[in-house]
C-alpha atoms as a PDB file:
ATOM      1  CA  MET A   1     157.534 181.445 132.599  1.00  0.00           C
ATOM      2  CA  LEU A   2     159.230 180.477 135.851  1.00  0.00           C
ATOM      3  CA  ARG A   3     157.455 181.396 139.085  1.00  0.00           C
ATOM      4  CA  ILE A   4     160.611 183.123 140.268  1.00  0.00           C
ATOM      5  CA  TYR A   5     160.058 185.698 137.522  1.00  0.00           C
ATOM      6  CA  ASP A   6     157.169 187.187 139.515  1.00  0.00           C
ATOM      7  CA  LEU A   7     159.219 186.903 142.699  1.00  0.00           C
ATOM      8  CA  SER A   8     162.099 188.743 141.017  1.00  0.00           C
ATOM      9  CA  LEU A   9     159.736 191.567 140.005  1.00  0.00           C
ATOM     10  CA  GLU A  10     158.503 191.788 143.592  1.00  0.00           C
ATOM     11  CA  LEU A  11     162.134 191.931 144.711  1.00  0.00           C
ATOM     12  CA  VAL A  12     162.713 194.902 142.377  1.00  0.00           C
ATOM     13  CA  ARG A  13     159.696 196.668 143.877  1.00  0.00           C
ATOM     14  CA  ARG A  14     160.746 195.977 147.462  1.00  0.00           C
ATOM     15  CA  LEU A  15     164.380 196.994 146.911  1.00  0.00           C
ATOM     16  CA  LYS A  16     163.565 200.302 145.187  1.00  0.00           C
ATOM     17  CA  PRO A  17     163.716 202.322 148.450  1.00  0.00           C
ATOM     18  CA  TYR A  18     167.115 200.762 149.180  1.00  0.00           C
ATOM     19  CA  VAL A  19     168.377 201.578 145.690  1.00  0.00           C
ATOM     20  CA  ASP A  20     167.224 205.176 146.120  1.00  0.00           C
ATOM     21  CA  ALA A  21     168.872 205.523 149.549  1.00  0.00           C
ATOM     22  CA  ILE A  22     172.137 203.970 148.384  1.00  0.00           C
ATOM     23  CA  SER A  23     172.163 206.149 145.251  1.00  0.00           C
ATOM     24  CA  ARG A  24     171.958 209.295 147.373  1.00  0.00           C
ATOM     25  CA  CYS A  25     175.085 208.241 149.295  1.00  0.00           C
ATOM     26  CA  ASP A  26     177.023 206.553 146.497  1.00  0.00           C
ATOM     27  CA  PRO A  27     175.711 207.078 142.947  1.00  0.00           C
ATOM     28  CA  ASP A  28     178.128 204.516 141.472  1.00  0.00           C
ATOM     29  CA  LEU A  29     177.062 201.757 143.857  1.00  0.00           C
ATOM     30  CA  GLY A  30     173.427 202.725 143.314  1.00  0.00           C
ATOM     31  CA  ARG A  31     173.810 202.354 139.538  1.00  0.00           C
ATOM     32  CA  GLN A  32     175.598 199.032 139.919  1.00  0.00           C
ATOM     33  CA  LEU A  33     172.864 197.750 142.236  1.00  0.00           C
ATOM     34  CA  ARG A  34     170.143 198.946 139.852  1.00  0.00           C
ATOM     35  CA  ARG A  35     171.801 197.227 136.868  1.00  0.00           C
ATOM     36  CA  ALA A  36     172.323 193.963 138.763  1.00  0.00           C
ATOM     37  CA  LEU A  37     168.813 193.992 140.203  1.00  0.00           C
ATOM     38  CA  THR A  38     167.092 194.665 136.883  1.00  0.00           C
ATOM     39  CA  SER A  39     169.228 192.034 135.167  1.00  0.00           C
ATOM     40  CA  VAL A  40     167.633 189.291 137.256  1.00  0.00           C
ATOM     41  CA  PRO A  41     164.048 189.407 135.887  1.00  0.00           C
ATOM     42  CA  LEU A  42     165.231 190.391 132.406  1.00  0.00           C
ATOM     43  CA  ASN A  43     167.461 187.329 132.084  1.00  0.00           C
ATOM     44  CA  ILE A  44     164.886 185.035 133.687  1.00  0.00           C
ATOM     45  CA  ALA A  45     162.318 186.202 131.134  1.00  0.00           C
ATOM     46  CA  GLU A  46     164.684 185.840 128.208  1.00  0.00           C
ATOM     47  CA  GLY A  47     165.857 182.435 129.430  1.00  0.00           C
ATOM     48  CA  SER A  48     162.292 181.210 129.734  1.00  0.00           C
ATOM     49  CA  TYR A  49     161.926 181.449 125.959  1.00  0.00           C
ATOM     50  CA  ALA A  50     165.432 180.397 124.955  1.00  0.00           C
ATOM     51  CA  ARG A  51     166.449 176.910 123.911  1.00  0.00           C
ATOM     52  CA  GLY A  52     169.354 174.627 124.718  1.00  0.00           C
ATOM     53  CA  ARG A  53     172.544 175.986 126.206  1.00  0.00           C
ATOM     54  CA  ASN A  54     171.428 179.571 125.645  1.00  0.00           C
ATOM     55  CA  ARG A  55     168.701 179.054 128.259  1.00  0.00           C
ATOM     56  CA  GLN A  56     171.187 177.808 130.840  1.00  0.00           C
ATOM     57  CA  SER A  57     173.541 180.681 130.028  1.00  0.00           C
ATOM     58  CA  LEU A  58     170.811 183.271 130.603  1.00  0.00           C
ATOM     59  CA  TYR A  59     169.842 181.670 133.913  1.00  0.00           C
ATOM     60  CA  GLN A  60     173.540 181.707 134.891  1.00  0.00           C
ATOM     61  CA  VAL A  61     173.661 185.449 134.174  1.00  0.00           C
ATOM     62  CA  ALA A  62     170.500 185.946 136.245  1.00  0.00           C
ATOM     63  CA  LEU A  63     172.108 184.006 139.109  1.00  0.00           C
ATOM     64  CA  GLY A  64     175.280 186.068 138.886  1.00  0.00           C
ATOM     65  CA  SER A  65     173.241 189.264 138.913  1.00  0.00           C
ATOM     66  CA  ALA A  66     171.245 188.085 141.920  1.00  0.00           C
ATOM     67  CA  LYS A  67     174.489 187.347 143.776  1.00  0.00           C
ATOM     68  CA  GLU A  68     175.836 190.756 142.740  1.00  0.00           C
ATOM     69  CA  THR A  69     172.653 192.371 144.076  1.00  0.00           C
ATOM     70  CA  GLY A  70     173.296 190.743 147.442  1.00  0.00           C
ATOM     71  CA  ALA A  71     176.916 191.885 147.414  1.00  0.00           C
ATOM     72  CA  CYS A  72     175.909 195.474 146.634  1.00  0.00           C
ATOM     73  CA  LEU A  73     173.550 195.407 149.603  1.00  0.00           C
ATOM     74  CA  ASP A  74     176.282 193.952 151.833  1.00  0.00           C
ATOM     75  CA  VAL A  75     178.677 196.722 150.790  1.00  0.00           C
ATOM     76  CA  ALA A  76     176.029 199.401 151.375  1.00  0.00           C
ATOM     77  CA  VAL A  77     175.443 198.102 154.912  1.00  0.00           C
ATOM     78  CA  ARG A  78     179.182 198.022 155.638  1.00  0.00           C
ATOM     79  CA  PHE A  79     179.570 201.589 154.382  1.00  0.00           C
ATOM     80  CA  GLU A  80     176.535 202.483 156.527  1.00  0.00           C
ATOM     81  CA  TYR A  81     174.564 203.846 153.567  1.00  0.00           C
ATOM     82  CA  ILE A  82     171.685 201.741 154.871  1.00  0.00           C
ATOM     83  CA  GLU A  83     171.234 200.263 158.319  1.00  0.00           C
ATOM     84  CA  ARG A  84     170.200 196.783 157.239  1.00  0.00           C
ATOM     85  CA  VAL A  85     168.132 194.903 154.669  1.00  0.00           C
ATOM     86  CA  ASP A  86     164.804 193.416 155.707  1.00  0.00           C
ATOM     87  CA  GLU A  87     165.107 189.669 156.349  1.00  0.00           C
ATOM     88  CA  GLU A  88     162.087 188.898 154.157  1.00  0.00           C
ATOM     89  CA  ILE A  89     163.775 190.617 151.213  1.00  0.00           C
ATOM     90  CA  LEU A  90     166.970 188.649 151.821  1.00  0.00           C
ATOM     91  CA  ALA A  91     164.905 185.448 151.936  1.00  0.00           C
ATOM     92  CA  MET A  92     163.341 186.332 148.575  1.00  0.00           C
ATOM     93  CA  LEU A  93     166.788 186.899 147.091  1.00  0.00           C
ATOM     94  CA  SER A  94     168.011 183.612 148.548  1.00  0.00           C
ATOM     95  CA  SER A  95     165.030 181.732 147.077  1.00  0.00           C
ATOM     96  CA  ILE A  96     165.661 183.197 143.645  1.00  0.00           C
ATOM     97  CA  CYS A  97     169.329 182.196 143.848  1.00  0.00           C
ATOM     98  CA  ALA A  98     168.441 178.669 144.954  1.00  0.00           C
ATOM     99  CA  VAL A  99     166.069 178.091 142.050  1.00  0.00           C
ATOM    100  CA  LEU A 100     168.468 179.556 139.509  1.00  0.00           C
ATOM    101  CA  TYR A 101     171.327 177.498 140.933  1.00  0.00           C
ATOM    102  CA  SER A 102     169.254 174.340 140.538  1.00  0.00           C
ATOM    103  CA  LEU A 103     168.615 175.255 136.895  1.00  0.00           C
ATOM    104  CA  VAL A 104     172.264 175.777 135.985  1.00  0.00           C
ATOM    105  CA  THR A 105     173.903 172.848 137.795  1.00  0.00           C
END
């Protein structure tokens, strides 16, 4: 299993308060963020045991979901549902994206 799997689970844990706060202000955005965020570790795990092009496809979905997670957070900040996202959390998300990008290119 990729090391970023554990990092993605930690990201889920650390973003839970943000998901909850955003959901109180905008339930639709909260659901979208929750789906995108949970998709990251799920697709990393599934991709870790897949073969051939299916593996790359699953990592591509995980990358897309990670990028969508970041976009949901950006929108939430712009709508002032949350003040900002902790820089360490953003660095974790960036690291996950970088590894996944390297796996699909």
